[in-house]
Amino acid sequence: MITPFEALDIILNNMKPLGKQKISIFEADKRVVADYIYSKLDLPPQDNSAMDGYAIRFKDIQQIPAKLKIKGTIKAGDSIDGLSVGENECFRIMTGAFIPKGADCVVEFEAAKEENGYVEILKQKKLYANIRFKGEDIEKNARIDLIGEHLNPYRLARIVSTGNIFIDVYTKPRICIIATGNELVYAGDTTPFATIDSNSLFVKSLLKEELNLDIDYLGISTDSQEDLKNLMETALNYDIIITTAGISFGDYDVVTNIEKQIGIEWLFKYVKQKPGKPFAFGKIKDSFIFSFPGNPVSTAFCSFFYLLPALKKMMGLKKYLHIPIKAKLKKSMVKRNDRVHFNRVKVEFKNDNFYATPFETQGSNIIESIAQCNGFAMVESFRLGEIAKGEEVDVFMYDFKSIFEKRR
């Protein structure tokens, strides 16, 4: 049986971007940049004022106070053609307004006193004080390298400010999910003794929140082989197929029962981990298939630990691996087998250290554990018995922001 990191390597080695497409920046939120972008202009387009104040010549304020004649006012957007500052002259100037010829310094209003068409400069200033230079932010034809980066409001602001409207991004993968099991019912159905399919909503919500990806929910297959085969025919139109449950060796594990009939080529099946031991990954024609266990914590962990990095790489992101943090246990844990455990923990930050409190029960059916916690604490295969309070563990955070959220 392979280890979690061997399984992850196999998955990632099979992932690559699907291609590029050109889209409008107004549709580009959370997309991944696929090519260099070049500025179409200088920003600022000309030297301009960083303050409301007076555009002056530096040589005229060598002696303070200095009295200057006001020639007029320049606002942001005004043309400065034909305007110039001569000896002992100045212009009132607003933030963002272009600097007139001859001026090489801006004195803010607060450092001056204005009266009867003249201004008295009260504080010494340095040469080029409060002036923003042409191309200071970015020069025309400058290359913007955001390849492999998610587009967020900050990066989109960079792009749109340079005159670009269309950009190349990596193509999004098409993804579908199928839940399996006679016992499953759809959300909202409270039929006695039935189990609501929460796994599909979890995966759908996770990928939307983390990657802005939409998943088509193909529905619930019963344990009938024909039922699942019919749904799989539709699923073959997608780049990524996700199934939940039916991957073990029981009589009614329907994914296992039809794998040869529909041509699934498993690259691995079963991983030496807890939760999520019966997890498989493979190929079927032009699609990849992730078959997760039916227990909700197992699906949650496998989606987080394997599916997210895989999709990030497929989307062209250059940073796709989870990076763990070190945390000290606030309570002991017990491990009784040689699998790699990923225990649910609640991490907090105190006194310059991360501390992890294990959830009271680690059953893979306990949805409350993933709802109340924010990370998976890894316990390596060689560690057996008690993992004592105060020991340090690697934690893969699935809700890092919650550590620093202030609650009233």
Protein backbone atom coordinates (compact mmCIF):
# COMPACT_ATOMS: atom_id res chain seq x y z
CA MET A 1 0.00 0.00 0.00
CA ILE A 2 1.44 3.38 -0.97
CA THR A 3 1.94 6.31 1.39
CA PRO A 4 -0.01 9.58 1.17
CA PHE A 5 2.93 11.48 -0.33
CA GLU A 6 3.61 8.75 -2.87
CA ALA A 7 -0.07 8.94 -3.88
CA LEU A 8 0.13 12.72 -4.12
CA ASP A 9 3.22 12.50 -6.34
CA ILE A 10 1.46 10.09 -8.71
CA ILE A 11 -1.51 12.44 -8.99
CA LEU A 12 0.56 15.57 -9.52
CA ASN A 13 2.81 13.92 -12.09
CA ASN A 14 -0.31 13.34 -14.19
CA MET A 15 -1.61 16.88 -13.96
CA LYS A 16 -0.84 19.58 -16.52
CA PRO A 17 -2.65 22.69 -17.80
CA LEU A 18 -5.37 22.07 -20.35
CA GLY A 19 -4.54 25.03 -22.57
CA LYS A 20 -5.04 28.81 -22.73
CA GLN A 21 -7.85 31.17 -23.58
CA LYS A 22 -8.16 34.93 -23.92
CA ILE A 23 -10.82 36.53 -21.72
CA SER A 24 -11.89 39.96 -20.51
CA ILE A 25 -10.45 41.14 -17.21
CA PHE A 26 -14.04 41.68 -16.10
CA GLU A 27 -14.48 37.89 -16.16
CA ALA A 28 -11.02 37.07 -14.81
CA ASP A 29 -11.51 37.01 -11.03
CA LYS A 30 -9.63 34.00 -9.57
CA ARG A 31 -8.45 32.85 -13.00
CA VAL A 32 -4.79 31.95 -13.50
CA VAL A 33 -2.58 34.07 -15.77
CA ALA A 34 -1.06 32.09 -18.65
CA ASP A 35 1.20 34.62 -20.42
CA TYR A 36 3.12 37.84 -19.95
CA ILE A 37 1.20 41.11 -19.97
CA TYR A 38 2.72 44.32 -21.33
CA SER A 39 1.80 47.82 -20.21
CA LYS A 40 0.21 49.92 -22.93
CA LEU A 41 1.13 53.21 -21.25
CA ASP A 42 3.28 55.07 -18.76
CA LEU A 43 1.80 55.42 -15.32
CA PRO A 44 1.73 58.22 -14.33
CA PRO A 45 1.54 59.54 -17.92
CA GLN A 46 3.42 62.72 -16.86
CA ASP A 47 5.09 64.06 -13.74
CA ASN A 48 2.28 64.96 -11.33
CA SER A 49 1.63 66.22 -7.84
CA ALA A 50 1.33 63.87 -4.88
CA MET A 51 -0.27 66.59 -2.73
CA ASP A 52 -2.62 69.55 -2.82
CA GLY A 53 -0.27 72.51 -2.62
CA TYR A 54 1.94 74.81 -4.70
CA ALA A 55 4.09 73.91 -7.69
CA ILE A 56 7.29 75.92 -7.27
CA ARG A 57 10.94 76.14 -8.27
CA PHE A 58 13.22 74.65 -5.63
CA LYS A 59 15.76 77.47 -6.11
CA ASP A 60 13.13 80.04 -5.02
CA ILE A 61 12.77 78.59 -1.50
CA GLN A 62 16.41 78.55 -0.42
CA GLN A 63 15.56 81.23 2.11
CA ILE A 64 12.53 80.61 4.35
CA PRO A 65 10.04 82.21 4.50
CA ALA A 66 9.81 82.77 0.72
CA LYS A 67 7.11 84.85 -0.96
CA LEU A 68 5.84 83.70 -4.38
CA LYS A 69 3.23 85.02 -6.81
CA ILE A 70 0.36 82.65 -7.63
CA LYS A 71 -0.19 82.41 -11.40
CA GLY A 72 -3.27 80.17 -11.28
CA THR A 73 -4.63 76.76 -10.34
CA ILE A 74 -4.05 73.39 -12.01
CA LYS A 75 -6.48 70.54 -11.34
CA ALA A 76 -6.11 66.83 -12.07
CA GLY A 77 -6.88 66.32 -15.74
CA ASP A 78 -6.05 69.91 -16.77
CA SER A 79 -3.74 70.47 -19.72
CA ILE A 80 -0.47 72.21 -18.85
CA ASP A 81 0.38 73.17 -22.41
CA GLY A 82 1.88 76.67 -22.36
CA LEU A 83 2.08 76.82 -18.57
CA SER A 84 5.40 77.50 -16.89
CA VAL A 85 6.77 78.67 -13.54
CA GLY A 86 9.25 81.52 -13.57
CA GLU A 87 11.36 83.17 -10.88
CA ASN A 88 9.42 83.65 -7.61
CA GLU A 89 6.22 82.28 -9.20
CA CYS A 90 4.04 79.25 -8.49
CA PHE A 91 0.77 77.53 -9.32
CA ARG A 92 -1.78 76.22 -6.90
CA ILE A 93 -1.89 72.52 -7.77
CA MET A 94 -4.19 69.65 -6.83
CA THR A 95 -3.28 66.00 -6.22
CA GLY A 96 -2.78 64.20 -9.51
CA ALA A 97 -2.42 67.39 -11.56
CA PHE A 98 0.49 67.54 -14.00
CA ILE A 99 3.58 69.54 -13.03
CA PRO A 100 4.03 72.69 -15.17
CA LYS A 101 7.30 73.50 -16.92
CA GLY A 102 9.93 74.94 -14.59
CA ALA A 103 8.46 73.54 -11.37
CA ASP A 104 10.51 70.93 -9.54
CA CYS A 105 8.92 70.84 -6.11
CA VAL A 106 5.45 70.85 -4.55
CA VAL A 107 4.85 72.45 -1.15
CA GLU A 108 1.70 71.23 0.59
CA PHE A 109 -0.92 73.80 1.62
CA GLU A 110 -0.23 73.09 5.29
CA ALA A 111 3.33 74.41 4.93
CA ALA A 112 2.34 77.75 3.45
CA LYS A 113 0.20 80.84 4.02
CA GLU A 114 -1.76 82.35 1.12
CA GLU A 115 -2.92 85.99 0.91
CA ASN A 116 -3.86 88.48 -1.87
CA GLY A 117 -2.52 86.45 -4.78
CA TYR A 118 0.73 85.53 -3.09
CA VAL A 119 1.83 82.61 -0.96
CA GLU A 120 4.42 82.55 1.76
CA ILE A 121 6.31 79.27 1.99
CA LEU A 122 6.99 78.52 5.66
CA LYS A 123 8.91 75.23 5.54
CA GLN A 124 11.96 74.10 3.62
CA LYS A 125 11.44 71.29 1.12
CA LYS A 126 13.75 68.96 -0.76
CA LEU A 127 14.20 69.05 -4.52
CA TYR A 128 11.37 67.08 -6.22
CA ALA A 129 9.38 66.90 -2.98
CA ASN A 130 5.82 65.59 -3.50
CA ILE A 131 6.33 64.92 -7.21
CA ARG A 132 5.39 61.59 -8.79
CA PHE A 133 7.42 60.99 -11.92
CA LYS A 134 6.27 59.80 -15.34
CA GLY A 135 6.39 56.01 -15.48
CA GLU A 136 7.23 55.80 -11.77
CA ASP A 137 4.62 53.10 -11.23
CA ILE A 138 5.11 51.34 -14.54
CA GLU A 139 6.60 52.29 -17.90
CA LYS A 140 5.05 51.73 -21.30
CA ASN A 141 5.90 48.26 -22.70
CA ALA A 142 7.07 47.05 -19.29
CA ARG A 143 6.49 43.33 -18.83
CA ILE A 144 4.14 42.19 -16.06
CA ASP A 145 4.93 38.65 -14.97
CA LEU A 146 1.92 37.13 -13.23
CA ILE A 147 2.15 33.74 -14.96
CA GLY A 148 0.85 31.04 -12.64
CA GLU A 149 -0.77 33.50 -10.26
CA HIS A 150 -4.41 33.71 -9.25
CA LEU A 151 -6.04 36.97 -10.29
CA ASN A 152 -7.39 38.84 -7.30
CA PRO A 153 -8.57 42.47 -6.90
CA TYR A 154 -4.99 43.68 -6.33
CA ARG A 155 -3.57 42.06 -9.46
CA LEU A 156 -6.60 42.98 -11.55
CA ALA A 157 -6.08 46.62 -10.53
CA ARG A 158 -2.49 46.35 -11.77
CA ILE A 159 -3.59 45.01 -15.14
CA VAL A 160 -6.50 47.34 -15.86
CA SER A 161 -4.38 50.39 -14.93
CA THR A 162 -2.00 49.54 -17.78
CA GLY A 163 -4.70 49.76 -20.46
CA ASN A 164 -5.15 46.01 -20.87
CA ILE A 165 -8.65 44.61 -21.24
CA PHE A 166 -8.00 41.09 -22.51
CA ILE A 167 -5.54 38.63 -21.00
CA ASP A 168 -4.51 35.01 -21.52
CA VAL A 169 -5.53 32.61 -18.77
CA TYR A 170 -5.36 28.86 -18.36
CA THR A 171 -8.46 26.89 -19.27
CA LYS A 172 -10.61 25.72 -16.37
CA PRO A 173 -11.07 21.95 -16.00
CA ARG A 174 -14.56 20.54 -16.42
CA ILE A 175 -15.49 18.59 -13.29
CA CYS A 176 -18.38 16.36 -12.29
CA ILE A 177 -19.27 14.38 -9.18
CA ILE A 178 -21.33 11.24 -8.68
CA ALA A 179 -22.37 9.92 -5.27
CA THR A 180 -23.06 6.20 -4.90
CA GLY A 181 -25.09 4.14 -2.46
CA ASN A 182 -28.62 2.79 -2.03
CA GLU A 183 -28.79 4.51 1.34
CA LEU A 184 -28.26 8.02 -0.04
CA VAL A 185 -30.92 10.67 -0.53
CA TYR A 186 -30.73 14.23 -1.79
CA ALA A 187 -30.34 17.29 0.43
CA GLY A 188 -33.54 18.14 2.26
CA ASP A 189 -34.91 14.59 2.19
CA THR A 190 -35.49 13.42 5.77
CA THR A 191 -36.62 9.89 4.95
CA PRO A 192 -36.13 7.76 8.10
CA PHE A 193 -32.90 5.74 8.18
CA ALA A 194 -31.62 7.28 4.94
CA THR A 195 -28.32 9.20 4.65
CA ILE A 196 -28.23 12.63 3.06
CA ASP A 197 -25.55 13.02 0.41
CA SER A 198 -23.42 15.69 2.11
CA ASN A 199 -20.20 14.70 0.32
CA SER A 200 -21.22 16.12 -3.03
CA LEU A 201 -22.18 19.48 -1.55
CA PHE A 202 -18.92 19.56 0.40
CA VAL A 203 -16.75 19.01 -2.68
CA LYS A 204 -18.83 21.42 -4.76
CA SER A 205 -18.57 24.12 -2.10
CA LEU A 206 -14.85 23.53 -1.47
CA LEU A 207 -13.85 23.94 -5.09
CA LYS A 208 -16.03 27.00 -5.53
CA GLU A 209 -14.58 28.70 -2.46
CA GLU A 210 -10.94 27.76 -3.01
CA LEU A 211 -10.64 27.86 -6.80
CA ASN A 212 -13.84 29.42 -8.13
CA LEU A 213 -14.56 26.20 -9.98
CA ASP A 214 -18.05 24.98 -10.73
CA ILE A 215 -18.87 21.27 -10.53
CA ASP A 216 -21.72 19.51 -12.24
CA TYR A 217 -23.53 17.23 -9.80
CA LEU A 218 -24.63 14.24 -11.87
CA GLY A 219 -26.63 12.87 -8.96
CA ILE A 220 -26.78 9.72 -6.86
CA SER A 221 -26.21 6.29 -8.33
CA THR A 222 -27.74 3.34 -6.59
CA ASP A 223 -25.61 0.24 -6.07
CA SER A 224 -26.86 -0.99 -9.44
CA GLN A 225 -24.05 -1.43 -11.94
CA GLU A 226 -26.26 -0.31 -14.81
CA ASP A 227 -27.22 2.85 -12.95
CA LEU A 228 -23.60 3.87 -12.44
CA LYS A 229 -22.55 2.90 -15.97
CA ASN A 230 -25.25 5.18 -17.38
CA LEU A 231 -24.02 8.10 -15.27
CA MET A 232 -20.41 7.37 -16.21
CA GLU A 233 -21.27 7.72 -19.89
CA THR A 234 -22.13 11.36 -19.18
CA ALA A 235 -19.14 11.75 -16.88
CA LEU A 236 -16.73 10.92 -19.71
CA ASN A 237 -17.40 14.38 -21.15
CA TYR A 238 -15.48 15.90 -18.20
CA ASP A 239 -11.78 16.31 -17.49
CA ILE A 240 -12.16 15.26 -13.86
CA ILE A 241 -14.64 12.69 -12.54
CA ILE A 242 -15.19 12.44 -8.78
CA THR A 243 -17.07 9.57 -7.18
CA THR A 244 -17.85 9.02 -3.52
CA ALA A 245 -18.22 5.58 -1.90
CA GLY A 246 -18.34 2.19 -3.61
CA ILE A 247 -14.57 1.85 -3.91
CA SER A 248 -13.92 -1.02 -1.44
CA PHE A 249 -14.31 -4.75 -2.09
CA GLY A 250 -17.80 -5.39 -0.77
CA ASP A 251 -20.59 -6.98 -2.76
CA TYR A 252 -22.21 -3.57 -3.32
CA ASP A 253 -19.11 -1.43 -3.88
CA VAL A 254 -20.34 -0.43 -7.29
CA VAL A 255 -17.31 1.53 -8.55
CA THR A 256 -15.09 -1.50 -7.94
CA ASN A 257 -17.66 -3.80 -9.53
CA ILE A 258 -17.73 -1.94 -12.87
CA GLU A 259 -14.11 -0.74 -13.11
CA LYS A 260 -13.12 -3.36 -15.71
CA GLN A 261 -16.36 -3.07 -17.65
CA ILE A 262 -15.92 0.67 -18.25
CA GLY A 263 -12.14 0.63 -18.62
CA ILE A 264 -10.83 2.37 -15.51
CA GLU A 265 -7.04 2.16 -15.27
CA TRP A 266 -6.20 2.69 -11.62
CA LEU A 267 -2.83 4.33 -10.95
CA PHE A 268 -3.24 3.40 -7.33
CA LYS A 269 -5.96 1.98 -5.14
CA TYR A 270 -5.85 2.27 -1.36
CA VAL A 271 -3.50 4.55 0.56
CA LYS A 272 -1.77 3.89 3.88
CA GLN A 273 -3.63 6.66 5.70
CA LYS A 274 -6.41 7.41 8.15
CA PRO A 275 -8.92 8.76 7.25
CA GLY A 276 -9.35 7.82 3.60
CA LYS A 277 -7.68 4.44 3.21
CA PRO A 278 -10.03 3.27 0.38
CA PHE A 279 -9.09 6.12 -1.98
CA ALA A 280 -8.25 5.46 -5.63
CA PHE A 281 -7.02 7.54 -8.55
CA GLY A 282 -6.89 6.57 -12.19
CA LYS A 283 -7.70 7.24 -15.80
CA ILE A 284 -10.69 6.42 -17.92
CA LYS A 285 -10.30 7.35 -21.60
CA ASP A 286 -9.46 11.10 -21.61
CA SER A 287 -10.59 11.73 -18.04
CA PHE A 288 -9.03 11.38 -14.62
CA ILE A 289 -11.09 9.78 -11.87
CA PHE A 290 -10.82 10.43 -8.14
CA SER A 291 -12.77 7.83 -6.19
CA PHE A 292 -13.20 8.91 -2.59
CA PRO A 293 -14.48 6.80 0.32
CA GLY A 294 -18.06 7.29 1.44
CA ASN A 295 -17.35 8.48 4.96
CA PRO A 296 -17.66 12.28 4.98
CA VAL A 297 -14.41 13.02 6.85
CA SER A 298 -12.55 10.78 4.41
CA THR A 299 -14.01 12.62 1.42
CA ALA A 300 -13.23 15.96 3.07
CA PHE A 301 -9.62 15.02 3.75
CA CYS A 302 -8.98 13.48 0.32
CA SER A 303 -10.57 16.48 -1.41
CA PHE A 304 -8.36 18.84 0.55
CA PHE A 305 -5.09 16.90 0.49
CA TYR A 306 -5.18 15.47 -3.05
CA LEU A 307 -7.85 17.09 -5.20
CA LEU A 308 -7.06 20.73 -4.44
CA PRO A 309 -3.33 20.51 -5.31
CA ALA A 310 -4.16 18.48 -8.43
CA LEU A 311 -6.64 21.04 -9.70
CA LYS A 312 -4.34 23.94 -8.83
CA LYS A 313 -1.63 22.38 -10.99
CA MET A 314 -4.10 21.63 -13.78
CA MET A 315 -5.23 25.28 -13.65
CA GLY A 316 -1.63 26.43 -14.11
CA LEU A 317 -0.95 27.70 -10.61
CA LYS A 318 2.76 27.68 -9.84
CA LYS A 319 2.11 27.25 -6.13
CA TYR A 320 -0.07 24.20 -5.61
CA LEU A 321 1.33 22.25 -2.66
CA HIS A 322 0.02 22.44 0.89
CA ILE A 323 2.63 23.75 3.32
CA PRO A 324 2.17 22.52 6.92
CA ILE A 325 2.77 24.55 10.05
CA LYS A 326 4.34 23.32 13.28
CA ALA A 327 2.00 23.20 16.28
CA LYS A 328 2.32 21.93 19.84
CA LEU A 329 -0.35 19.54 21.07
CA LYS A 330 -2.55 20.83 23.90
CA LYS A 331 -3.82 17.29 24.56
CA SER A 332 -2.28 13.90 23.93
CA MET A 333 -3.35 11.60 21.09
CA VAL A 334 -3.12 7.82 20.73
CA LYS A 335 -2.21 6.02 17.50
CA ARG A 336 -2.60 2.26 17.27
CA ASN A 337 -1.57 1.34 13.71
CA ASP A 338 1.19 2.09 11.23
CA ARG A 339 -0.89 4.17 8.84
CA VAL A 340 -0.23 7.90 8.49
CA HIS A 341 -2.92 9.63 10.53
CA PHE A 342 -4.40 13.02 9.76
CA ASN A 343 -6.28 13.93 12.92
CA ARG A 344 -8.66 16.84 13.07
CA VAL A 345 -7.36 19.60 15.33
CA LYS A 346 -8.30 23.12 16.30
CA VAL A 347 -5.24 25.35 15.95
CA GLU A 348 -4.79 28.66 17.76
CA PHE A 349 -1.92 31.12 17.97
CA LYS A 350 -0.73 32.26 21.38
CA ASN A 351 2.54 33.67 22.70
CA ASP A 352 4.26 33.34 19.32
CA ASN A 353 3.38 29.63 19.00
CA PHE A 354 0.74 27.53 17.28
CA TYR A 355 -1.15 25.12 19.53
CA ALA A 356 -3.34 22.25 18.34
CA THR A 357 -6.22 20.71 20.27
CA PRO A 358 -7.32 17.31 18.89
CA PHE A 359 -11.04 16.76 18.43
CA GLU A 360 -12.38 14.40 21.07
CA THR A 361 -13.24 11.64 18.58
CA GLN A 362 -11.51 10.92 15.28
CA GLY A 363 -14.09 8.69 13.58
CA SER A 364 -14.26 9.25 9.83
CA ASN A 365 -18.04 9.53 10.08
CA ILE A 366 -17.96 12.48 12.51
CA ILE A 367 -18.77 15.54 10.39
CA GLU A 368 -18.71 17.71 13.52
CA SER A 369 -14.94 17.20 13.68
CA ILE A 370 -14.29 18.99 10.38
CA ALA A 371 -16.89 21.65 11.16
CA GLN A 372 -15.33 22.56 14.52
CA CYS A 373 -11.65 22.17 13.64
CA ASN A 374 -9.40 23.96 11.15
CA GLY A 375 -6.55 21.59 10.37
CA PHE A 376 -5.32 18.04 9.90
CA ALA A 377 -2.47 17.07 12.25
CA MET A 378 -0.20 14.52 10.62
CA VAL A 379 1.11 11.64 12.71
CA GLU A 380 3.73 9.69 10.77
CA SER A 381 3.45 5.95 10.25
CA PHE A 382 6.38 5.14 12.56
CA ARG A 383 4.86 6.92 15.55
CA LEU A 384 2.82 4.54 17.66
CA GLY A 385 1.18 4.76 21.06
CA GLU A 386 0.76 8.05 22.86
CA ILE A 387 1.65 11.31 21.14
CA ALA A 388 2.10 13.35 24.29
CA LYS A 389 0.82 16.79 25.13
CA GLY A 390 3.45 19.37 24.20
CA GLU A 391 4.88 17.35 21.31
CA GLU A 392 5.14 19.14 17.99
CA VAL A 393 3.22 17.96 14.94
CA ASP A 394 2.84 19.10 11.35
CA VAL A 395 -0.60 20.52 10.69
CA PHE A 396 -2.12 21.01 7.25
CA MET A 397 -4.48 23.93 7.70
CA TYR A 398 -7.76 23.96 5.81
CA ASP A 399 -9.03 27.13 7.50
CA PHE A 400 -5.95 29.19 8.31
CA LYS A 401 -7.84 32.49 8.50
CA SER A 402 -9.85 31.27 11.48
CA ILE A 403 -6.71 31.37 13.64
CA PHE A 404 -6.55 35.15 13.44
CA GLU A 405 -10.24 36.03 13.33
CA LYS A 406 -11.30 38.10 16.30
CA ARG A 407 -14.55 37.06 17.87
CA ARG A 408 -16.64 39.23 20.12
